[in-house]
Amino acid sequence: MSALVQHHGVSRRQAYRYLLQAQSHLELRPVPEPKTVFTVNLPVNLIQAVRVRCRQERQPISHVVAQVLERWLEQSSAHG
């Protein structure tokens, strides 16, 4: 576990979760990229709608935002 922490820069908690997940699925999974906080200012109504939708779909807001931004970046590079 300490090798994951040192080599990949993940927290001990993340490393532990990774090991549990790998053991339970009997397959290796990629170590997730390190994450950091990215603050943006959004309209209150948009934030409320995102929270409601994420709760309904049982998805973390960070996961949904990352997916949307990745798609947006892919579209940008495809057009330019």
PDB file of N, CA and C in Angstrom:
ATOM      1  N   MET A   1       0.826  -1.180   0.000  1.00  0.00           N
ATOM      2  CA  MET A   1       0.000   0.000   0.000  1.00  0.00           C
ATOM      3  C   MET A   1       0.873   1.247   0.000  1.00  0.00           C
ATOM      4  N   SER A   2       1.955   1.238   0.764  1.00  0.00           N
ATOM      5  CA  SER A   2       2.819   2.419   0.811  1.00  0.00           C
ATOM      6  C   SER A   2       3.453   2.694  -0.551  1.00  0.00           C
ATOM      7  N   ALA A   3       3.650   1.653  -1.354  1.00  0.00           N
ATOM      8  CA  ALA A   3       4.199   1.864  -2.700  1.00  0.00           C
ATOM      9  C   ALA A   3       3.219   2.665  -3.553  1.00  0.00           C
ATOM     10  N   LEU A   4       1.928   2.368  -3.428  1.00  0.00           N
ATOM     11  CA  LEU A   4       0.920   3.139  -4.162  1.00  0.00           C
ATOM     12  C   LEU A   4       0.928   4.596  -3.728  1.00  0.00           C
ATOM     13  N   VAL A   5       1.028   4.805  -2.433  1.00  0.00           N
ATOM     14  CA  VAL A   5       1.023   6.162  -1.892  1.00  0.00           C
ATOM     15  C   VAL A   5       2.232   6.930  -2.417  1.00  0.00           C
ATOM     16  N   GLN A   6       3.400   6.326  -2.342  1.00  0.00           N
ATOM     17  CA  GLN A   6       4.634   7.010  -2.749  1.00  0.00           C
ATOM     18  C   GLN A   6       4.735   7.171  -4.262  1.00  0.00           C
ATOM     19  N   HIS A   7       4.468   6.113  -4.981  1.00  0.00           N
ATOM     20  CA  HIS A   7       4.680   6.131  -6.431  1.00  0.00           C
ATOM     21  C   HIS A   7       3.607   6.919  -7.175  1.00  0.00           C
ATOM     22  N   HIS A   8       2.347   6.792  -6.742  1.00  0.00           N
ATOM     23  CA  HIS A   8       1.244   7.424  -7.472  1.00  0.00           C
ATOM     24  C   HIS A   8       0.711   8.680  -6.803  1.00  0.00           C
ATOM     25  N   GLY A   9       1.180   8.988  -5.613  1.00  0.00           N
ATOM     26  CA  GLY A   9       0.753  10.216  -4.953  1.00  0.00           C
ATOM     27  C   GLY A   9      -0.692  10.206  -4.491  1.00  0.00           C
ATOM     28  N   VAL A  10      -1.229   9.016  -4.238  1.00  0.00           N
ATOM     29  CA  VAL A  10      -2.596   8.930  -3.723  1.00  0.00           C
ATOM     30  C   VAL A  10      -2.545   8.867  -2.199  1.00  0.00           C
ATOM     31  N   SER A  11      -3.673   9.177  -1.573  1.00  0.00           N
ATOM     32  CA  SER A  11      -3.724   9.109  -0.116  1.00  0.00           C
ATOM     33  C   SER A  11      -3.721   7.647   0.335  1.00  0.00           C
ATOM     34  N   ARG A  12      -3.423   7.431   1.611  1.00  0.00           N
ATOM     35  CA  ARG A  12      -3.455   6.068   2.155  1.00  0.00           C
ATOM     36  C   ARG A  12      -4.861   5.483   2.022  1.00  0.00           C
ATOM     37  N   ARG A  13      -5.867   6.312   2.234  1.00  0.00           N
ATOM     38  CA  ARG A  13      -7.253   5.862   2.117  1.00  0.00           C
ATOM     39  C   ARG A  13      -7.560   5.419   0.684  1.00  0.00           C
ATOM     40  N   GLN A  14      -7.118   6.218  -0.308  1.00  0.00           N
ATOM     41  CA  GLN A  14      -7.332   5.845  -1.705  1.00  0.00           C
ATOM     42  C   GLN A  14      -6.593   4.552  -2.040  1.00  0.00           C
ATOM     43  N   ALA A  15      -5.370   4.419  -1.555  1.00  0.00           N
ATOM     44  CA  ALA A  15      -4.579   3.217  -1.814  1.00  0.00           C
ATOM     45  C   ALA A  15      -5.267   1.984  -1.217  1.00  0.00           C
ATOM     46  N   TYR A  16      -5.783   2.132  -0.014  1.00  0.00           N
ATOM     47  CA  TYR A  16      -6.476   1.025   0.643  1.00  0.00           C
ATOM     48  C   TYR A  16      -7.711   0.614  -0.163  1.00  0.00           C
ATOM     49  N   ARG A  17      -8.495   1.611  -0.595  1.00  0.00           N
ATOM     50  CA  ARG A  17      -9.695   1.316  -1.403  1.00  0.00           C
ATOM     51  C   ARG A  17      -9.313   0.623  -2.710  1.00  0.00           C
ATOM     52  N   TYR A  18      -8.238   1.102  -3.331  1.00  0.00           N
ATOM     53  CA  TYR A  18      -7.773   0.492  -4.571  1.00  0.00           C
ATOM     54  C   TYR A  18      -7.427  -0.983  -4.347  1.00  0.00           C
ATOM     55  N   LEU A  19      -6.714  -1.272  -3.269  1.00  0.00           N
ATOM     56  CA  LEU A  19      -6.332  -2.654  -2.985  1.00  0.00           C
ATOM     57  C   LEU A  19      -7.552  -3.530  -2.705  1.00  0.00           C
ATOM     58  N   LEU A  20      -8.499  -3.013  -1.933  1.00  0.00           N
ATOM     59  CA  LEU A  20      -9.716  -3.787  -1.665  1.00  0.00           C
ATOM     60  C   LEU A  20     -10.482  -4.077  -2.950  1.00  0.00           C
ATOM     61  N   GLN A  21     -10.591  -3.072  -3.791  1.00  0.00           N
ATOM     62  CA  GLN A  21     -11.311  -3.237  -5.049  1.00  0.00           C
ATOM     63  C   GLN A  21     -10.607  -4.255  -5.940  1.00  0.00           C
ATOM     64  N   ALA A  22      -9.314  -4.163  -6.028  1.00  0.00           N
ATOM     65  CA  ALA A  22      -8.550  -5.084  -6.865  1.00  0.00           C
ATOM     66  C   ALA A  22      -8.676  -6.514  -6.348  1.00  0.00           C
ATOM     67  N   GLN A  23      -8.637  -6.690  -5.026  1.00  0.00           N
ATOM     68  CA  GLN A  23      -8.756  -8.028  -4.449  1.00  0.00           C
ATOM     69  C   GLN A  23     -10.140  -8.612  -4.690  1.00  0.00           C
ATOM     70  N   SER A  24     -11.168  -7.809  -4.550  1.00  0.00           N
ATOM     71  CA  SER A  24     -12.530  -8.333  -4.682  1.00  0.00           C
ATOM     72  C   SER A  24     -12.881  -8.660  -6.124  1.00  0.00           C
ATOM     73  N   HIS A  25     -12.232  -8.014  -7.078  1.00  0.00           N
ATOM     74  CA  HIS A  25     -12.533  -8.265  -8.487  1.00  0.00           C
ATOM     75  C   HIS A  25     -11.503  -9.168  -9.154  1.00  0.00           C
ATOM     76  N   LEU A  26     -10.469  -9.501  -8.418  1.00  0.00           N
ATOM     77  CA  LEU A  26      -9.406 -10.377  -8.908  1.00  0.00           C
ATOM     78  C   LEU A  26      -8.829  -9.895 -10.240  1.00  0.00           C
ATOM     79  N   GLU A  27      -8.763  -8.598 -10.417  1.00  0.00           N
ATOM     80  CA  GLU A  27      -8.155  -8.043 -11.611  1.00  0.00           C
ATOM     81  C   GLU A  27      -7.505  -6.712 -11.246  1.00  0.00           C
ATOM     82  N   LEU A  28      -6.498  -6.365 -11.982  1.00  0.00           N
ATOM     83  CA  LEU A  28      -5.840  -5.088 -11.735  1.00  0.00           C
ATOM     84  C   LEU A  28      -6.644  -3.965 -12.372  1.00  0.00           C
ATOM     85  N   ARG A  29      -6.738  -2.891 -11.665  1.00  0.00           N
ATOM     86  CA  ARG A  29      -7.421  -1.706 -12.181  1.00  0.00           C
ATOM     87  C   ARG A  29      -6.413  -0.576 -12.201  1.00  0.00           C
ATOM     88  N   PRO A  30      -6.599   0.360 -13.133  1.00  0.00           N
ATOM     89  CA  PRO A  30      -5.658   1.482 -13.158  1.00  0.00           C
ATOM     90  C   PRO A  30      -5.779   2.318 -11.892  1.00  0.00           C
ATOM     91  N   VAL A  31      -4.646   2.810 -11.421  1.00  0.00           N
ATOM     92  CA  VAL A  31      -4.645   3.681 -10.249  1.00  0.00           C
ATOM     93  C   VAL A  31      -5.192   5.024 -10.704  1.00  0.00           C
ATOM     94  N   PRO A  32      -6.187   5.563  -9.995  1.00  0.00           N
ATOM     95  CA  PRO A  32      -6.768   6.837 -10.430  1.00  0.00           C
ATOM     96  C   PRO A  32      -5.756   7.975 -10.346  1.00  0.00           C
ATOM     97  N   GLU A  33      -5.943   8.927 -11.248  1.00  0.00           N
ATOM     98  CA  GLU A  33      -5.094  10.119 -11.231  1.00  0.00           C
ATOM     99  C   GLU A  33      -5.291  10.888  -9.940  1.00  0.00           C
ATOM    100  N   PRO A  34      -4.243  11.547  -9.458  1.00  0.00           N
ATOM    101  CA  PRO A  34      -4.425  12.400  -8.280  1.00  0.00           C
ATOM    102  C   PRO A  34      -5.444  13.509  -8.603  1.00  0.00           C
ATOM    103  N   LYS A  35      -6.184  13.897  -7.613  1.00  0.00           N
ATOM    104  CA  LYS A  35      -7.210  14.925  -7.803  1.00  0.00           C
ATOM    105  C   LYS A  35      -6.925  16.116  -6.909  1.00  0.00           C
ATOM    106  N   THR A  36      -7.485  17.239  -7.288  1.00  0.00           N
ATOM    107  CA  THR A  36      -7.358  18.446  -6.498  1.00  0.00           C
ATOM    108  C   THR A  36      -8.656  19.234  -6.613  1.00  0.00           C
ATOM    109  N   VAL A  37      -8.821  20.207  -5.768  1.00  0.00           N
ATOM    110  CA  VAL A  37     -10.029  21.027  -5.775  1.00  0.00           C
ATOM    111  C   VAL A  37      -9.917  22.063  -6.883  1.00  0.00           C
ATOM    112  N   PHE A  38     -11.015  22.265  -7.600  1.00  0.00           N
ATOM    113  CA  PHE A  38     -11.099  23.234  -8.691  1.00  0.00           C
ATOM    114  C   PHE A  38     -12.376  24.028  -8.459  1.00  0.00           C
ATOM    115  N   THR A  39     -12.232  25.252  -8.019  1.00  0.00           N
ATOM    116  CA  THR A  39     -13.389  26.054  -7.635  1.00  0.00           C
ATOM    117  C   THR A  39     -13.867  26.900  -8.805  1.00  0.00           C
ATOM    118  N   VAL A  40     -15.159  26.870  -9.052  1.00  0.00           N
ATOM    119  CA  VAL A  40     -15.768  27.706 -10.085  1.00  0.00           C
ATOM    120  C   VAL A  40     -16.997  28.393  -9.498  1.00  0.00           C
ATOM    121  N   ASN A  41     -17.347  29.530 -10.049  1.00  0.00           N
ATOM    122  CA  ASN A  41     -18.542  30.252  -9.620  1.00  0.00           C
ATOM    123  C   ASN A  41     -19.655  29.983 -10.626  1.00  0.00           C
ATOM    124  N   LEU A  42     -20.748  29.442 -10.138  1.00  0.00           N
ATOM    125  CA  LEU A  42     -21.879  29.104 -10.991  1.00  0.00           C
ATOM    126  C   LEU A  42     -23.154  29.686 -10.408  1.00  0.00           C
ATOM    127  N   PRO A  43     -24.177  29.892 -11.255  1.00  0.00           N
ATOM    128  CA  PRO A  43     -25.455  30.372 -10.741  1.00  0.00           C
ATOM    129  C   PRO A  43     -26.053  29.367  -9.742  1.00  0.00           C
ATOM    130  N   VAL A  44     -26.675  29.886  -8.708  1.00  0.00           N
ATOM    131  CA  VAL A  44     -27.250  29.056  -7.646  1.00  0.00           C
ATOM    132  C   VAL A  44     -28.241  28.047  -8.217  1.00  0.00           C
ATOM    133  N   ASN A  45     -29.084  28.463  -9.157  1.00  0.00           N
ATOM    134  CA  ASN A  45     -30.069  27.539  -9.742  1.00  0.00           C
ATOM    135  C   ASN A  45     -29.408  26.366 -10.452  1.00  0.00           C
ATOM    136  N   LEU A  46     -28.297  26.635 -11.131  1.00  0.00           N
ATOM    137  CA  LEU A  46     -27.578  25.564 -11.816  1.00  0.00           C
ATOM    138  C   LEU A  46     -26.994  24.585 -10.804  1.00  0.00           C
ATOM    139  N   ILE A  47     -26.409  25.092  -9.755  1.00  0.00           N
ATOM    140  CA  ILE A  47     -25.836  24.239  -8.706  1.00  0.00           C
ATOM    141  C   ILE A  47     -26.913  23.355  -8.090  1.00  0.00           C
ATOM    142  N   GLN A  48     -28.058  23.944  -7.781  1.00  0.00           N
ATOM    143  CA  GLN A  48     -29.149  23.174  -7.184  1.00  0.00           C
ATOM    144  C   GLN A  48     -29.631  22.081  -8.132  1.00  0.00           C
ATOM    145  N   ALA A  49     -29.764  22.415  -9.406  1.00  0.00           N
ATOM    146  CA  ALA A  49     -30.224  21.425 -10.388  1.00  0.00           C
ATOM    147  C   ALA A  49     -29.211  20.286 -10.537  1.00  0.00           C
ATOM    148  N   VAL A  50     -27.928  20.622 -10.537  1.00  0.00           N
ATOM    149  CA  VAL A  50     -26.881  19.595 -10.642  1.00  0.00           C
ATOM    150  C   VAL A  50     -26.922  18.682  -9.426  1.00  0.00           C
ATOM    151  N   ARG A  51     -27.058  19.249  -8.248  1.00  0.00           N
ATOM    152  CA  ARG A  51     -27.110  18.426  -7.034  1.00  0.00           C
ATOM    153  C   ARG A  51     -28.301  17.470  -7.062  1.00  0.00           C
ATOM    154  N   VAL A  52     -29.459  17.982  -7.475  1.00  0.00           N
ATOM    155  CA  VAL A  52     -30.664  17.143  -7.531  1.00  0.00           C
ATOM    156  C   VAL A  52     -30.443  16.000  -8.520  1.00  0.00           C
ATOM    157  N   ARG A  53     -29.971  16.322  -9.703  1.00  0.00           N
ATOM    158  CA  ARG A  53     -29.773  15.299 -10.744  1.00  0.00           C
ATOM    159  C   ARG A  53     -28.742  14.261 -10.318  1.00  0.00           C
ATOM    160  N   CYS A  54     -27.663  14.712  -9.708  1.00  0.00           N
ATOM    161  CA  CYS A  54     -26.629  13.777  -9.251  1.00  0.00           C
ATOM    162  C   CYS A  54     -27.161  12.859  -8.150  1.00  0.00           C
ATOM    163  N   ARG A  55     -27.969  13.411  -7.262  1.00  0.00           N
ATOM    164  CA  ARG A  55     -28.580  12.564  -6.214  1.00  0.00           C
ATOM    165  C   ARG A  55     -29.488  11.524  -6.854  1.00  0.00           C
ATOM    166  N   GLN A  56     -30.307  11.951  -7.823  1.00  0.00           N
ATOM    167  CA  GLN A  56     -31.226  11.029  -8.490  1.00  0.00           C
ATOM    168  C   GLN A  56     -30.474   9.892  -9.178  1.00  0.00           C
ATOM    169  N   GLU A  57     -29.371  10.238  -9.802  1.00  0.00           N
ATOM    170  CA  GLU A  57     -28.606   9.238 -10.548  1.00  0.00           C
ATOM    171  C   GLU A  57     -27.520   8.573  -9.712  1.00  0.00           C
ATOM    172  N   ARG A  58     -27.431   8.990  -8.449  1.00  0.00           N
ATOM    173  CA  ARG A  58     -26.438   8.439  -7.522  1.00  0.00           C
ATOM    174  C   ARG A  58     -25.030   8.517  -8.090  1.00  0.00           C
ATOM    175  N   GLN A  59     -24.721   9.696  -8.594  1.00  0.00           N
ATOM    176  CA  GLN A  59     -23.398   9.970  -9.159  1.00  0.00           C
ATOM    177  C   GLN A  59     -22.759  11.115  -8.395  1.00  0.00           C
ATOM    178  N   PRO A  60     -21.486  11.025  -8.085  1.00  0.00           N
ATOM    179  CA  PRO A  60     -20.808  12.157  -7.454  1.00  0.00           C
ATOM    180  C   PRO A  60     -20.731  13.337  -8.434  1.00  0.00           C
ATOM    181  N   ILE A  61     -20.906  14.534  -7.925  1.00  0.00           N
ATOM    182  CA  ILE A  61     -20.847  15.725  -8.773  1.00  0.00           C
ATOM    183  C   ILE A  61     -19.506  15.781  -9.495  1.00  0.00           C
ATOM    184  N   SER A  62     -18.433  15.501  -8.801  1.00  0.00           N
ATOM    185  CA  SER A  62     -17.093  15.559  -9.414  1.00  0.00           C
ATOM    186  C   SER A  62     -16.999  14.638 -10.622  1.00  0.00           C
ATOM    187  N   HIS A  63     -17.580  13.460 -10.523  1.00  0.00           N
ATOM    188  CA  HIS A  63     -17.545  12.489 -11.622  1.00  0.00           C
ATOM    189  C   HIS A  63     -18.300  13.027 -12.831  1.00  0.00           C
ATOM    190  N   VAL A  64     -19.480  13.566 -12.596  1.00  0.00           N
ATOM    191  CA  VAL A  64     -20.307  14.094 -13.687  1.00  0.00           C
ATOM    192  C   VAL A  64     -19.605  15.278 -14.350  1.00  0.00           C
ATOM    193  N   VAL A  65     -19.094  16.196 -13.560  1.00  0.00           N
ATOM    194  CA  VAL A  65     -18.407  17.371 -14.104  1.00  0.00           C
ATOM    195  C   VAL A  65     -17.183  16.945 -14.912  1.00  0.00           C
ATOM    196  N   ALA A  66     -16.422  15.987 -14.409  1.00  0.00           N
ATOM    197  CA  ALA A  66     -15.243  15.509 -15.132  1.00  0.00           C
ATOM    198  C   ALA A  66     -15.638  14.923 -16.485  1.00  0.00           C
ATOM    199  N   GLN A  67     -16.714  14.126 -16.525  1.00  0.00           N
ATOM    200  CA  GLN A  67     -17.175  13.543 -17.789  1.00  0.00           C
ATOM    201  C   GLN A  67     -17.566  14.623 -18.788  1.00  0.00           C
ATOM    202  N   VAL A  68     -18.316  15.612 -18.324  1.00  0.00           N
ATOM    203  CA  VAL A  68     -18.769  16.685 -19.211  1.00  0.00           C
ATOM    204  C   VAL A  68     -17.584  17.481 -19.744  1.00  0.00           C
ATOM    205  N   LEU A  69     -16.634  17.809 -18.872  1.00  0.00           N
ATOM    206  CA  LEU A  69     -15.466  18.568 -19.310  1.00  0.00           C
ATOM    207  C   LEU A  69     -14.600  17.767 -20.276  1.00  0.00           C
ATOM    208  N   GLU A  70     -14.452  16.477 -20.040  1.00  0.00           N
ATOM    209  CA  GLU A  70     -13.677  15.647 -20.956  1.00  0.00           C
ATOM    210  C   GLU A  70     -14.320  15.601 -22.334  1.00  0.00           C
ATOM    211  N   ARG A  71     -15.655  15.443 -22.386  1.00  0.00           N
ATOM    212  CA  ARG A  71     -16.367  15.461 -23.680  1.00  0.00           C
ATOM    213  C   ARG A  71     -16.188  16.810 -24.376  1.00  0.00           C
ATOM    214  N   TRP A  72     -16.285  17.880 -23.603  1.00  0.00           N
ATOM    215  CA  TRP A  72     -16.135  19.227 -24.173  1.00  0.00           C
ATOM    216  C   TRP A  72     -14.736  19.404 -24.756  1.00  0.00           C
ATOM    217  N   LEU A  73     -13.726  18.935 -24.034  1.00  0.00           N
ATOM    218  CA  LEU A  73     -12.352  19.050 -24.535  1.00  0.00           C
ATOM    219  C   LEU A  73     -12.150  18.206 -25.800  1.00  0.00           C
ATOM    220  N   GLU A  74     -12.738  17.032 -25.841  1.00  0.00           N
ATOM    221  CA  GLU A  74     -12.649  16.171 -27.039  1.00  0.00           C
ATOM    222  C   GLU A  74     -13.286  16.854 -28.233  1.00  0.00           C
ATOM    223  N   GLN A  75     -14.444  17.470 -28.033  1.00  0.00           N
ATOM    224  CA  GLN A  75     -15.120  18.174 -29.119  1.00  0.00           C
ATOM    225  C   GLN A  75     -14.295  19.355 -29.590  1.00  0.00           C
ATOM    226  N   SER A  76     -13.694  20.077 -28.658  1.00  0.00           N
ATOM    227  CA  SER A  76     -12.865  21.236 -29.019  1.00  0.00           C
ATOM    228  C   SER A  76     -11.694  20.834 -29.873  1.00  0.00           C
ATOM    229  N   SER A  77     -11.019  19.732 -29.511  1.00  0.00           N
ATOM    230  CA  SER A  77      -9.852  19.297 -30.268  1.00  0.00           C
ATOM    231  C   SER A  77     -10.264  18.719 -31.621  1.00  0.00           C
ATOM    232  N   ALA A  78     -11.450  18.146 -31.712  1.00  0.00           N
ATOM    233  CA  ALA A  78     -11.926  17.578 -32.981  1.00  0.00           C
ATOM    234  C   ALA A  78     -12.284  18.675 -33.982  1.00  0.00           C
ATOM    235  N   HIS A  79     -12.681  19.852 -33.472  1.00  0.00           N
ATOM    236  CA  HIS A  79     -13.086  20.948 -34.348  1.00  0.00           C
ATOM    237  C   HIS A  79     -11.953  21.915 -34.656  1.00  0.00           C
ATOM    238  N   GLY A  80     -10.843  21.788 -33.968  1.00  0.00           N
ATOM    239  CA  GLY A  80      -9.811  22.794 -34.172  1.00  0.00           C
ATOM    240  C   GLY A  80      -8.514  22.203 -34.395  1.00  0.00           C
TER     241      GLY A  80
END
